[in-house]
Amino acid sequence: MPIIRDPLWNNIRVDEVAQSLLDTPAMQRLRYVRQLGLAHLVYPGATHSRFEHALGAHHLAKRALATLRDAGALEGVDAGEPGIVAAAALLHDIGHYPFSHALEEIGIAHHEEVARALILSGDVAGILESAYGKDAPKRILELIRGESWSPLQGLISGSLDLDKIDYLKRDAMMCGVPYGEIDEDRLIHAFTILADPTSGRRVTGVRQFWGHVKPAMRQKERAPELSPILSGFAANCDPSLNRNCELASVASRNWRCVCQTAKRNSHRPFSSACLPASPCRRCLMASHAQPTAV
């Protein structure tokens, strides 16, 4: 298995399918598309490309999938889905213009729309169909556009997806600024697959806890009016421990809420579960908690 040396993630291993995709003209073009457009005129080190970023996102996808597999979270997920997700991470920016997002601001088609023809036809489509089946290009495009019903959708397009983890760390490093530091290892190990409390559909989530909470994850309440197309999960907080429990959703693009325990806020009603896919109205009404964007 070939190894590519990356300045951010060190050694990145690529399998045969990834190597074939990287060798296509559509992917090789990304070597000449700067990740940060014209930012190198201000930050001279910001000359890295979309090609490097695509490799990094693919690497993180493989790490996240391996972690989920080791934790048993992929049980019940289609056997071919991890390969589809890894390919989607590699191809997610294949439609980018020169100068990256700068050209989109003049009103031309979004890069995800440009990616449609590059993924659904030509060399890339042929490789994907041979490796993962005839419907693979369509499934990958849906993941990239955030339109897939795959339980792993949140890894590719969501509020804490692998694309963001790579570009925040990579862009900060190449610009020489300290703003993008993320503990990606802890975050990746917090990924999980769970049932959407409203729709019952399996979705990707991330679990984060501060202080002491019960290790068992179970739903006791449901926040009202949670859209079924957004993902979230509920956790049981022990009100006797006087701690906060922060819940976040990977697949949701919108909000996360912080629920206060009853002991700390004895004068306010206690909400033991907060579903973060939208501002939790029960939490807002009960404790005036302010939702924090993720």
Protein backbone atom coordinates (compact mmCIF):
# COMPACT_ATOMS: atom_id res chain seq x y z
CA MET A 1 0.00 0.00 0.00
CA PRO A 2 1.58 3.32 -1.08
CA ILE A 3 2.47 5.88 1.59
CA ILE A 4 2.27 9.62 0.95
CA ARG A 5 4.10 11.95 3.31
CA ASP A 6 1.88 14.79 4.47
CA PRO A 7 3.11 17.83 6.43
CA LEU A 8 0.11 17.71 8.77
CA TRP A 9 -0.74 14.02 9.27
CA ASN A 10 2.68 12.55 8.45
CA ASN A 11 2.25 9.17 6.70
CA ILE A 12 -0.99 8.69 4.76
CA ARG A 13 -1.64 5.22 3.38
CA VAL A 14 -3.75 5.00 0.23
CA ASP A 15 -5.33 1.80 -1.03
CA GLU A 16 -5.64 0.76 -4.67
CA VAL A 17 -8.98 2.52 -5.22
CA ALA A 18 -7.76 5.79 -3.69
CA GLN A 19 -4.55 5.64 -5.73
CA SER A 20 -6.53 5.14 -8.94
CA LEU A 21 -8.76 8.11 -8.10
CA LEU A 22 -5.77 10.30 -7.26
CA ASP A 23 -4.23 9.53 -10.65
CA THR A 24 -7.26 10.78 -12.62
CA PRO A 25 -6.91 14.16 -14.38
CA ALA A 26 -9.83 15.54 -12.34
CA MET A 27 -7.99 14.91 -9.07
CA GLN A 28 -4.54 15.87 -10.36
CA ARG A 29 -6.02 19.25 -11.34
CA LEU A 30 -6.46 19.99 -7.63
CA ARG A 31 -2.68 20.19 -7.23
CA TYR A 32 -2.94 23.60 -8.90
CA VAL A 33 -5.96 24.92 -6.98
CA ARG A 34 -4.86 26.76 -3.86
CA GLN A 35 -6.81 25.83 -0.76
CA LEU A 36 -7.11 29.43 0.43
CA GLY A 37 -7.44 31.22 -2.88
CA LEU A 38 -5.65 34.57 -2.69
CA ALA A 39 -4.72 34.30 1.01
CA HIS A 40 -1.07 33.63 0.07
CA LEU A 41 -0.78 37.32 -0.81
CA VAL A 42 -1.19 38.06 2.90
CA TYR A 43 0.12 34.81 4.40
CA PRO A 44 3.02 33.73 2.15
CA GLY A 45 2.98 30.19 3.54
CA ALA A 46 -0.63 29.57 2.50
CA THR A 47 0.27 27.98 -0.82
CA HIS A 48 -1.15 24.54 -0.03
CA SER A 49 -3.57 22.97 -2.48
CA ARG A 50 -6.96 21.29 -2.56
CA PHE A 51 -5.08 18.08 -3.44
CA GLU A 52 -3.34 18.06 -0.06
CA HIS A 53 -6.61 18.82 1.71
CA ALA A 54 -8.40 16.00 -0.13
CA LEU A 55 -5.70 13.58 0.99
CA GLY A 56 -6.05 14.79 4.57
CA ALA A 57 -9.83 14.41 4.60
CA HIS A 58 -9.47 10.90 3.17
CA HIS A 59 -6.93 10.04 5.88
CA LEU A 60 -9.26 11.27 8.63
CA ALA A 61 -12.15 9.31 7.11
CA LYS A 62 -10.13 6.10 7.26
CA ARG A 63 -9.21 6.84 10.89
CA ALA A 64 -12.79 7.59 11.87
CA LEU A 65 -14.13 4.49 10.12
CA ALA A 66 -11.51 2.30 11.80
CA THR A 67 -12.42 3.76 15.20
CA LEU A 68 -16.15 3.19 14.62
CA ARG A 69 -15.45 -0.35 13.44
CA ASP A 70 -13.32 -1.14 16.51
CA ALA A 71 -16.09 0.19 18.76
CA GLY A 72 -18.68 -2.00 17.05
CA ALA A 73 -20.60 1.06 15.85
CA LEU A 74 -20.67 -0.12 12.23
CA GLU A 75 -22.74 -3.19 13.01
CA GLY A 76 -25.80 -3.08 10.78
CA VAL A 77 -24.18 -0.62 8.37
CA ASP A 78 -23.88 -1.88 4.80
CA ALA A 79 -20.50 -3.56 4.31
CA GLY A 80 -19.67 -1.36 1.33
CA GLU A 81 -20.59 1.92 3.01
CA PRO A 82 -17.16 2.63 4.61
CA GLY A 83 -15.49 2.44 1.21
CA ILE A 84 -18.10 4.78 -0.25
CA VAL A 85 -17.53 7.25 2.61
CA ALA A 86 -13.73 7.15 2.26
CA ALA A 87 -14.04 7.82 -1.48
CA ALA A 88 -16.46 10.69 -0.81
CA ALA A 89 -13.94 12.27 1.57
CA LEU A 90 -11.26 12.06 -1.11
CA LEU A 91 -13.50 13.49 -3.84
CA HIS A 92 -15.44 16.08 -1.85
CA ASP A 93 -13.63 19.09 -3.38
CA ILE A 94 -13.16 17.72 -6.91
CA GLY A 95 -15.30 20.48 -8.42
CA HIS A 96 -13.40 23.45 -7.01
CA TYR A 97 -12.49 26.35 -9.27
CA PRO A 98 -9.13 28.11 -9.38
CA PHE A 99 -8.95 30.53 -6.44
CA SER A 100 -11.29 28.15 -4.56
CA HIS A 101 -14.40 29.89 -3.18
CA ALA A 102 -13.46 33.32 -4.48
CA LEU A 103 -14.96 32.70 -7.93
CA GLU A 104 -18.23 31.40 -6.47
CA GLU A 105 -18.86 34.85 -5.05
CA ILE A 106 -19.44 36.27 -8.53
CA GLY A 107 -22.49 34.01 -8.95
CA ILE A 108 -21.23 30.98 -10.90
CA ALA A 109 -22.28 27.43 -10.01
CA HIS A 110 -21.26 26.04 -6.64
CA HIS A 111 -18.32 23.65 -6.69
CA GLU A 112 -20.52 20.78 -5.45
CA GLU A 113 -22.68 21.22 -8.54
CA VAL A 114 -19.58 21.24 -10.75
CA ALA A 115 -18.56 17.96 -9.08
CA ARG A 116 -21.69 16.25 -10.39
CA ALA A 117 -20.37 15.71 -13.94
CA LEU A 118 -16.88 14.82 -12.71
CA ILE A 119 -18.18 12.08 -10.40
CA LEU A 120 -21.08 10.69 -12.40
CA SER A 121 -19.13 10.26 -15.64
CA GLY A 122 -15.64 9.73 -16.98
CA ASP A 123 -12.65 8.07 -15.33
CA VAL A 124 -13.80 8.72 -11.77
CA ALA A 125 -17.19 7.10 -12.34
CA GLY A 126 -15.57 4.06 -13.95
CA ILE A 127 -13.25 3.50 -10.99
CA LEU A 128 -16.06 3.90 -8.47
CA GLU A 129 -18.41 1.56 -10.32
CA SER A 130 -15.72 -1.11 -10.60
CA ALA A 131 -14.86 -0.90 -6.90
CA TYR A 132 -18.24 -0.31 -5.24
CA GLY A 133 -21.02 -0.99 -7.73
CA LYS A 134 -23.04 0.83 -10.38
CA ASP A 135 -24.75 3.17 -7.91
CA ALA A 136 -21.50 4.22 -6.20
CA PRO A 137 -21.03 7.55 -8.05
CA LYS A 138 -24.58 8.63 -7.19
CA ARG A 139 -24.20 7.62 -3.52
CA ILE A 140 -20.91 9.50 -3.25
CA LEU A 141 -22.35 12.65 -4.80
CA GLU A 142 -25.25 12.53 -2.33
CA LEU A 143 -22.80 12.28 0.58
CA ILE A 144 -20.79 15.24 -0.71
CA ARG A 145 -23.92 17.37 -1.17
CA GLY A 146 -25.31 16.41 2.26
CA GLU A 147 -28.31 14.68 0.73
CA SER A 148 -27.59 11.07 1.67
CA TRP A 149 -29.59 8.96 4.11
CA SER A 150 -26.46 7.01 5.01
CA PRO A 151 -25.84 6.75 8.78
CA LEU A 152 -22.31 7.98 8.02
CA GLN A 153 -23.45 11.18 6.27
CA GLY A 154 -22.24 13.34 9.18
CA LEU A 155 -18.62 12.37 8.56
CA ILE A 156 -18.68 13.98 5.10
CA SER A 157 -21.08 16.92 5.41
CA GLY A 158 -22.09 18.25 8.80
CA SER A 159 -21.20 20.67 11.55
CA LEU A 160 -18.23 18.60 12.76
CA ASP A 161 -17.29 16.75 9.59
CA LEU A 162 -13.82 15.54 8.65
CA ASP A 163 -13.44 18.20 5.96
CA LYS A 164 -13.59 20.91 8.64
CA ILE A 165 -11.18 19.10 10.95
CA ASP A 166 -8.55 18.93 8.22
CA TYR A 167 -8.89 22.44 6.83
CA LEU A 168 -8.95 24.12 10.24
CA LYS A 169 -5.71 22.46 11.27
CA ARG A 170 -4.05 22.59 7.85
CA ASP A 171 -4.93 26.20 7.09
CA ALA A 172 -3.76 27.36 10.51
CA MET A 173 -0.46 25.50 10.18
CA MET A 174 0.25 26.80 6.68
CA CYS A 175 -0.68 30.38 7.62
CA GLY A 176 1.43 30.20 10.78
CA VAL A 177 -1.43 31.14 13.10
CA PRO A 178 -2.60 29.37 16.29
CA TYR A 179 -6.34 29.58 15.66
CA GLY A 180 -7.19 26.15 14.25
CA GLU A 181 -5.93 23.82 16.96
CA ILE A 182 -8.31 20.89 17.42
CA ASP A 183 -7.83 17.69 19.38
CA GLU A 184 -8.87 15.61 16.39
CA ASP A 185 -7.97 12.33 18.07
CA ARG A 186 -10.38 12.92 20.96
CA LEU A 187 -13.07 14.13 18.59
CA ILE A 188 -12.73 11.13 16.27
CA HIS A 189 -12.93 8.78 19.24
CA ALA A 190 -16.16 10.51 20.30
CA PHE A 191 -17.93 9.71 17.03
CA THR A 192 -20.77 7.23 17.33
CA ILE A 193 -23.74 5.87 15.39
CA LEU A 194 -27.14 6.14 17.04
CA ALA A 195 -30.85 6.34 16.33
CA ASP A 196 -32.40 9.73 15.69
CA PRO A 197 -34.82 10.16 18.63
CA THR A 198 -37.57 11.42 16.34
CA SER A 199 -37.28 9.48 13.10
CA GLY A 200 -35.50 6.38 14.42
CA ARG A 201 -33.08 6.64 11.49
CA ARG A 202 -29.46 5.79 12.28
CA VAL A 203 -27.23 8.86 12.15
CA THR A 204 -23.72 9.95 13.05
CA GLY A 205 -23.24 11.81 16.31
CA VAL A 206 -20.45 13.00 18.55
CA ARG A 207 -20.59 12.56 22.31
CA GLN A 208 -18.84 15.02 24.62
CA PHE A 209 -19.07 15.21 28.38
CA TRP A 210 -17.70 17.54 31.01
CA GLY A 211 -17.72 16.40 34.62
CA HIS A 212 -19.38 13.25 35.90
CA VAL A 213 -22.31 11.82 34.05
CA LYS A 214 -23.79 8.36 33.96
CA PRO A 215 -21.97 6.17 31.46
CA ALA A 216 -25.22 4.72 30.14
CA MET A 217 -26.63 6.67 27.21
CA ARG A 218 -30.39 6.55 27.23
CA GLN A 219 -33.20 8.85 26.22
CA LYS A 220 -35.60 10.07 28.92
CA GLU A 221 -37.15 13.11 27.29
CA ARG A 222 -37.52 14.47 23.81
CA ALA A 223 -37.22 18.11 22.95
CA PRO A 224 -40.20 19.14 20.80
CA GLU A 225 -40.21 19.94 17.11
CA LEU A 226 -36.98 18.20 16.10
CA SER A 227 -36.81 17.96 12.32
CA PRO A 228 -36.41 14.33 11.21
CA ILE A 229 -33.79 15.24 8.62
CA LEU A 230 -31.44 16.53 11.32
CA SER A 231 -29.60 14.27 13.70
CA GLY A 232 -29.14 14.48 17.41
CA PHE A 233 -29.14 12.34 20.47
CA ALA A 234 -30.14 12.48 24.10
CA ALA A 235 -28.08 11.57 27.12
CA ASN A 236 -29.15 11.04 30.68
CA CYS A 237 -27.48 13.47 33.10
CA ASP A 238 -27.46 12.66 36.78
CA PRO A 239 -28.99 15.72 38.51
CA SER A 240 -27.34 14.76 41.80
CA LEU A 241 -23.85 15.35 40.42
CA ASN A 242 -24.19 19.07 39.72
CA ARG A 243 -22.54 18.95 36.30
CA ASN A 244 -23.25 20.11 32.79
CA CYS A 245 -23.80 17.76 29.90
CA GLU A 246 -23.11 19.17 26.46
CA LEU A 247 -24.49 17.35 23.48
CA ALA A 248 -23.65 18.05 19.89
CA SER A 249 -24.76 16.65 16.57
CA VAL A 250 -22.38 15.91 13.71
CA ALA A 251 -24.94 15.78 10.94
CA SER A 252 -26.84 18.88 12.05
CA ARG A 253 -25.60 22.15 10.60
CA ASN A 254 -27.44 24.29 13.12
CA TRP A 255 -27.00 24.35 16.89
CA ARG A 256 -25.98 22.70 20.09
CA CYS A 257 -27.45 23.44 23.49
CA VAL A 258 -26.05 23.21 26.98
CA CYS A 259 -28.41 21.78 29.59
CA GLN A 260 -27.98 22.70 33.25
CA THR A 261 -28.62 20.12 35.93
CA ALA A 262 -31.42 20.57 38.42
CA LYS A 263 -29.15 20.86 41.44
CA ARG A 264 -27.27 23.84 40.04
CA ASN A 265 -30.50 25.46 38.87
CA SER A 266 -32.97 24.33 41.48
CA HIS A 267 -35.17 27.36 40.81
CA ARG A 268 -35.63 26.28 37.17
CA PRO A 269 -37.28 23.23 35.66
CA PHE A 270 -34.82 20.45 34.83
CA SER A 271 -34.37 19.24 31.28
CA SER A 272 -32.42 15.98 31.30
CA ALA A 273 -32.15 15.68 27.54
CA CYS A 274 -31.40 18.27 24.91
CA LEU A 275 -31.61 17.39 21.24
CA PRO A 276 -29.11 19.63 19.48
CA ALA A 277 -30.30 19.58 15.90
CA SER A 278 -32.13 22.85 16.44
CA PRO A 279 -32.28 25.41 19.27
CA CYS A 280 -33.83 23.38 22.09
CA ARG A 281 -37.02 25.30 22.86
CA ARG A 282 -37.68 23.41 26.05
CA CYS A 283 -34.20 24.24 27.27
CA LEU A 284 -34.51 27.86 26.17
CA MET A 285 -37.85 28.31 27.90
CA ALA A 286 -36.85 26.41 31.03
CA SER A 287 -33.41 27.81 31.77
CA HIS A 288 -32.86 30.63 29.27
CA ALA A 289 -29.78 28.76 28.06
CA GLN A 290 -28.20 30.30 25.01
CA PRO A 291 -27.60 27.90 22.09
CA THR A 292 -24.03 27.86 20.81
CA ALA A 293 -23.36 27.44 17.10
CA VAL A 294 -21.23 24.48 16.06
